[in-house]
Amino acid sequence: MSLISMIPLELRKHRIEQAVLGQFGSQLTDDELQELSTGRLIQRLKLATNRPDGLNECTREMFSLAMLVRLGRITEGAISVCY
């Protein structure tokens, strides 16, 4: 592709990144943290683990994978191959 034709793609990518990175502002509430660590995306990707004490757990690696999916850097299929 020519450089001019890449401009809309780069702008779209930048908008998506800003939306993901800025979706919670500078602070997280407990509910927002719960959604990030064990929400629908994490459940769909089957990344969260249930601990014996009944609490859900999401490691840094799991969280990072979910953010990469939200940013469109990797696909959900790529994660399902790994986990």
N, C-alpha and C. Protein backbone atom coordinates (compact mmCIF):
# COMPACT_ATOMS: atom_id res chain seq x y z
N MET A 1 0.84 -1.19 0.00
CA MET A 1 0.00 0.00 0.00
C MET A 1 0.87 1.24 0.00
N SER A 2 0.32 2.27 -0.56
CA SER A 2 1.07 3.53 -0.54
C SER A 2 0.92 4.18 0.84
N LEU A 3 1.79 5.10 1.13
CA LEU A 3 1.77 5.75 2.43
C LEU A 3 0.48 6.53 2.66
N ILE A 4 -0.04 7.14 1.61
CA ILE A 4 -1.27 7.92 1.75
C ILE A 4 -2.44 7.00 2.13
N SER A 5 -2.49 5.84 1.56
CA SER A 5 -3.60 4.93 1.86
C SER A 5 -3.50 4.37 3.28
N MET A 6 -2.36 4.46 3.90
CA MET A 6 -2.18 3.95 5.26
C MET A 6 -2.68 4.93 6.32
N ILE A 7 -2.89 6.18 5.95
CA ILE A 7 -3.28 7.20 6.93
C ILE A 7 -4.57 6.83 7.65
N PRO A 8 -5.66 6.46 6.96
CA PRO A 8 -6.87 6.09 7.71
C PRO A 8 -6.67 4.89 8.64
N LEU A 9 -5.87 3.93 8.21
CA LEU A 9 -5.61 2.77 9.07
C LEU A 9 -4.85 3.16 10.33
N GLU A 10 -3.86 4.03 10.16
CA GLU A 10 -3.09 4.48 11.32
C GLU A 10 -3.94 5.33 12.26
N LEU A 11 -4.82 6.17 11.71
CA LEU A 11 -5.71 6.97 12.54
C LEU A 11 -6.67 6.10 13.32
N ARG A 12 -7.20 5.07 12.66
CA ARG A 12 -8.10 4.13 13.33
C ARG A 12 -7.38 3.40 14.46
N LYS A 13 -6.18 2.94 14.18
CA LYS A 13 -5.38 2.24 15.19
C LYS A 13 -5.12 3.15 16.39
N HIS A 14 -4.80 4.40 16.12
CA HIS A 14 -4.53 5.36 17.19
C HIS A 14 -5.79 5.61 18.02
N ARG A 15 -6.95 5.74 17.38
CA ARG A 15 -8.20 5.94 18.10
C ARG A 15 -8.52 4.75 19.00
N ILE A 16 -8.31 3.55 18.49
CA ILE A 16 -8.58 2.35 19.29
C ILE A 16 -7.65 2.30 20.49
N GLU A 17 -6.37 2.58 20.28
CA GLU A 17 -5.41 2.57 21.38
C GLU A 17 -5.79 3.58 22.45
N GLN A 18 -6.17 4.78 22.03
CA GLN A 18 -6.56 5.81 22.99
C GLN A 18 -7.82 5.42 23.76
N ALA A 19 -8.76 4.79 23.07
CA ALA A 19 -9.99 4.35 23.74
C ALA A 19 -9.69 3.28 24.79
N VAL A 20 -8.84 2.33 24.46
CA VAL A 20 -8.51 1.27 25.41
C VAL A 20 -7.69 1.81 26.57
N LEU A 21 -6.70 2.62 26.26
CA LEU A 21 -5.82 3.13 27.32
C LEU A 21 -6.51 4.16 28.21
N GLY A 22 -7.47 4.88 27.67
CA GLY A 22 -8.12 5.93 28.45
C GLY A 22 -9.51 5.59 28.94
N GLN A 23 -9.92 4.36 28.79
CA GLN A 23 -11.31 4.01 29.11
C GLN A 23 -11.66 4.17 30.58
N PHE A 24 -10.69 4.09 31.46
CA PHE A 24 -10.97 4.20 32.89
C PHE A 24 -10.39 5.45 33.52
N GLY A 25 -9.82 6.33 32.72
CA GLY A 25 -9.26 7.56 33.25
C GLY A 25 -8.01 7.30 34.06
N SER A 26 -7.79 8.12 35.06
CA SER A 26 -6.57 8.00 35.85
C SER A 26 -6.75 7.14 37.11
N GLN A 27 -8.00 6.74 37.41
CA GLN A 27 -8.25 5.94 38.60
C GLN A 27 -9.22 4.82 38.26
N LEU A 28 -9.13 3.73 39.00
CA LEU A 28 -10.04 2.59 38.83
C LEU A 28 -10.90 2.43 40.08
N THR A 29 -12.18 2.21 39.86
CA THR A 29 -13.05 1.84 40.98
C THR A 29 -12.95 0.33 41.17
N ASP A 30 -13.49 -0.15 42.26
CA ASP A 30 -13.48 -1.60 42.51
C ASP A 30 -14.23 -2.35 41.42
N ASP A 31 -15.35 -1.80 40.98
CA ASP A 31 -16.14 -2.45 39.93
C ASP A 31 -15.37 -2.50 38.61
N GLU A 32 -14.68 -1.43 38.27
CA GLU A 32 -13.90 -1.40 37.04
C GLU A 32 -12.75 -2.40 37.09
N LEU A 33 -12.12 -2.50 38.24
CA LEU A 33 -11.03 -3.47 38.41
C LEU A 33 -11.58 -4.89 38.29
N GLN A 34 -12.73 -5.14 38.87
CA GLN A 34 -13.36 -6.45 38.76
C GLN A 34 -13.67 -6.79 37.31
N GLU A 35 -14.18 -5.81 36.54
CA GLU A 35 -14.48 -6.03 35.13
C GLU A 35 -13.20 -6.32 34.34
N LEU A 36 -12.14 -5.60 34.64
CA LEU A 36 -10.88 -5.82 33.94
C LEU A 36 -10.28 -7.18 34.25
N SER A 37 -10.37 -7.59 35.50
CA SER A 37 -9.68 -8.82 35.89
C SER A 37 -10.49 -10.09 35.67
N THR A 38 -11.81 -9.98 35.70
CA THR A 38 -12.62 -11.20 35.56
C THR A 38 -13.86 -10.97 34.71
N GLY A 39 -13.87 -9.94 33.90
CA GLY A 39 -15.04 -9.58 33.11
C GLY A 39 -15.31 -10.51 31.94
N ARG A 40 -16.23 -10.05 31.07
CA ARG A 40 -16.66 -10.87 29.94
C ARG A 40 -15.53 -11.27 29.02
N LEU A 41 -14.63 -10.34 28.72
CA LEU A 41 -13.52 -10.67 27.81
C LEU A 41 -12.62 -11.73 28.43
N ILE A 42 -12.29 -11.57 29.69
CA ILE A 42 -11.44 -12.54 30.38
C ILE A 42 -12.12 -13.90 30.41
N GLN A 43 -13.42 -13.92 30.68
CA GLN A 43 -14.16 -15.18 30.71
C GLN A 43 -14.22 -15.81 29.32
N ARG A 44 -14.46 -14.99 28.29
CA ARG A 44 -14.53 -15.51 26.93
C ARG A 44 -13.20 -16.10 26.49
N LEU A 45 -12.12 -15.48 26.91
CA LEU A 45 -10.79 -15.97 26.58
C LEU A 45 -10.36 -17.12 27.48
N LYS A 46 -11.16 -17.39 28.49
CA LYS A 46 -10.86 -18.45 29.47
C LYS A 46 -9.51 -18.24 30.14
N LEU A 47 -9.27 -16.98 30.55
CA LEU A 47 -8.00 -16.64 31.17
C LEU A 47 -8.07 -16.64 32.70
N ALA A 48 -9.22 -16.31 33.26
CA ALA A 48 -9.32 -16.21 34.72
C ALA A 48 -9.29 -17.59 35.34
N THR A 49 -8.72 -17.67 36.52
CA THR A 49 -8.69 -18.93 37.25
C THR A 49 -9.44 -18.76 38.55
N ASN A 50 -10.07 -19.79 39.00
CA ASN A 50 -10.76 -19.78 40.29
C ASN A 50 -9.84 -20.37 41.34
N ARG A 51 -9.62 -19.62 42.40
CA ARG A 51 -8.77 -20.10 43.48
C ARG A 51 -9.61 -20.90 44.46
N PRO A 52 -8.96 -21.73 45.28
CA PRO A 52 -9.70 -22.54 46.26
C PRO A 52 -10.52 -21.71 47.24
N ASP A 53 -10.09 -20.46 47.52
CA ASP A 53 -10.82 -19.63 48.47
C ASP A 53 -12.03 -18.94 47.84
N GLY A 54 -12.33 -19.27 46.58
CA GLY A 54 -13.52 -18.73 45.93
C GLY A 54 -13.31 -17.43 45.18
N LEU A 55 -12.13 -16.87 45.26
CA LEU A 55 -11.85 -15.61 44.57
C LEU A 55 -11.36 -15.88 43.16
N ASN A 56 -11.77 -15.02 42.25
CA ASN A 56 -11.24 -15.10 40.89
C ASN A 56 -9.89 -14.43 40.86
N GLU A 57 -9.04 -14.88 39.98
CA GLU A 57 -7.69 -14.34 39.90
C GLU A 57 -7.34 -14.09 38.44
N CYS A 58 -6.69 -12.98 38.19
CA CYS A 58 -6.21 -12.66 36.86
C CYS A 58 -4.76 -12.18 37.01
N THR A 59 -3.83 -12.91 36.47
CA THR A 59 -2.43 -12.55 36.61
C THR A 59 -2.07 -11.41 35.65
N ARG A 60 -0.89 -10.88 35.82
CA ARG A 60 -0.41 -9.84 34.92
C ARG A 60 -0.40 -10.30 33.47
N GLU A 61 0.03 -11.53 33.28
CA GLU A 61 0.11 -12.08 31.93
C GLU A 61 -1.27 -12.19 31.30
N MET A 62 -2.24 -12.66 32.08
CA MET A 62 -3.61 -12.77 31.58
C MET A 62 -4.17 -11.40 31.23
N PHE A 63 -3.94 -10.43 32.12
CA PHE A 63 -4.39 -9.07 31.89
C PHE A 63 -3.75 -8.49 30.63
N SER A 64 -2.46 -8.72 30.46
CA SER A 64 -1.75 -8.22 29.28
C SER A 64 -2.31 -8.82 28.00
N LEU A 65 -2.60 -10.11 28.02
CA LEU A 65 -3.18 -10.75 26.84
C LEU A 65 -4.54 -10.15 26.50
N ALA A 66 -5.35 -9.90 27.53
CA ALA A 66 -6.66 -9.30 27.30
C ALA A 66 -6.53 -7.90 26.69
N MET A 67 -5.56 -7.12 27.18
CA MET A 67 -5.36 -5.78 26.63
C MET A 67 -4.88 -5.85 25.18
N LEU A 68 -4.04 -6.81 24.87
CA LEU A 68 -3.58 -6.97 23.49
C LEU A 68 -4.73 -7.33 22.56
N VAL A 69 -5.66 -8.12 23.05
CA VAL A 69 -6.85 -8.44 22.24
C VAL A 69 -7.69 -7.19 22.05
N ARG A 70 -7.89 -6.42 23.11
CA ARG A 70 -8.68 -5.18 23.00
C ARG A 70 -8.04 -4.20 22.03
N LEU A 71 -6.73 -4.17 21.99
CA LEU A 71 -6.03 -3.28 21.08
C LEU A 71 -5.98 -3.82 19.65
N GLY A 72 -6.37 -5.07 19.48
CA GLY A 72 -6.34 -5.66 18.15
C GLY A 72 -4.96 -6.13 17.72
N ARG A 73 -4.05 -6.25 18.66
CA ARG A 73 -2.69 -6.68 18.33
C ARG A 73 -2.59 -8.18 18.15
N ILE A 74 -3.43 -8.92 18.87
CA ILE A 74 -3.49 -10.37 18.72
C ILE A 74 -4.97 -10.78 18.65
N THR A 75 -5.22 -11.97 18.17
CA THR A 75 -6.60 -12.45 18.04
C THR A 75 -6.95 -13.38 19.20
N GLU A 76 -8.24 -13.53 19.41
CA GLU A 76 -8.69 -14.45 20.45
C GLU A 76 -8.27 -15.88 20.10
N GLY A 77 -8.24 -16.19 18.81
CA GLY A 77 -7.82 -17.52 18.38
C GLY A 77 -6.38 -17.83 18.75
N ALA A 78 -5.52 -16.81 18.68
CA ALA A 78 -4.12 -17.01 19.04
C ALA A 78 -3.98 -17.36 20.52
N ILE A 79 -4.83 -16.79 21.34
CA ILE A 79 -4.77 -17.08 22.77
C ILE A 79 -5.29 -18.48 23.05
N SER A 80 -6.36 -18.86 22.36
CA SER A 80 -6.92 -20.19 22.62
C SER A 80 -5.93 -21.30 22.25
N VAL A 81 -5.05 -21.04 21.31
CA VAL A 81 -4.01 -22.02 20.96
C VAL A 81 -3.02 -22.17 22.11
N CYS A 82 -2.74 -21.06 22.80
CA CYS A 82 -1.75 -21.08 23.88
C CYS A 82 -2.30 -21.61 25.19
N TYR A 83 -3.56 -21.33 25.47
CA TYR A 83 -4.15 -21.74 26.75
C TYR A 83 -5.05 -22.91 26.52
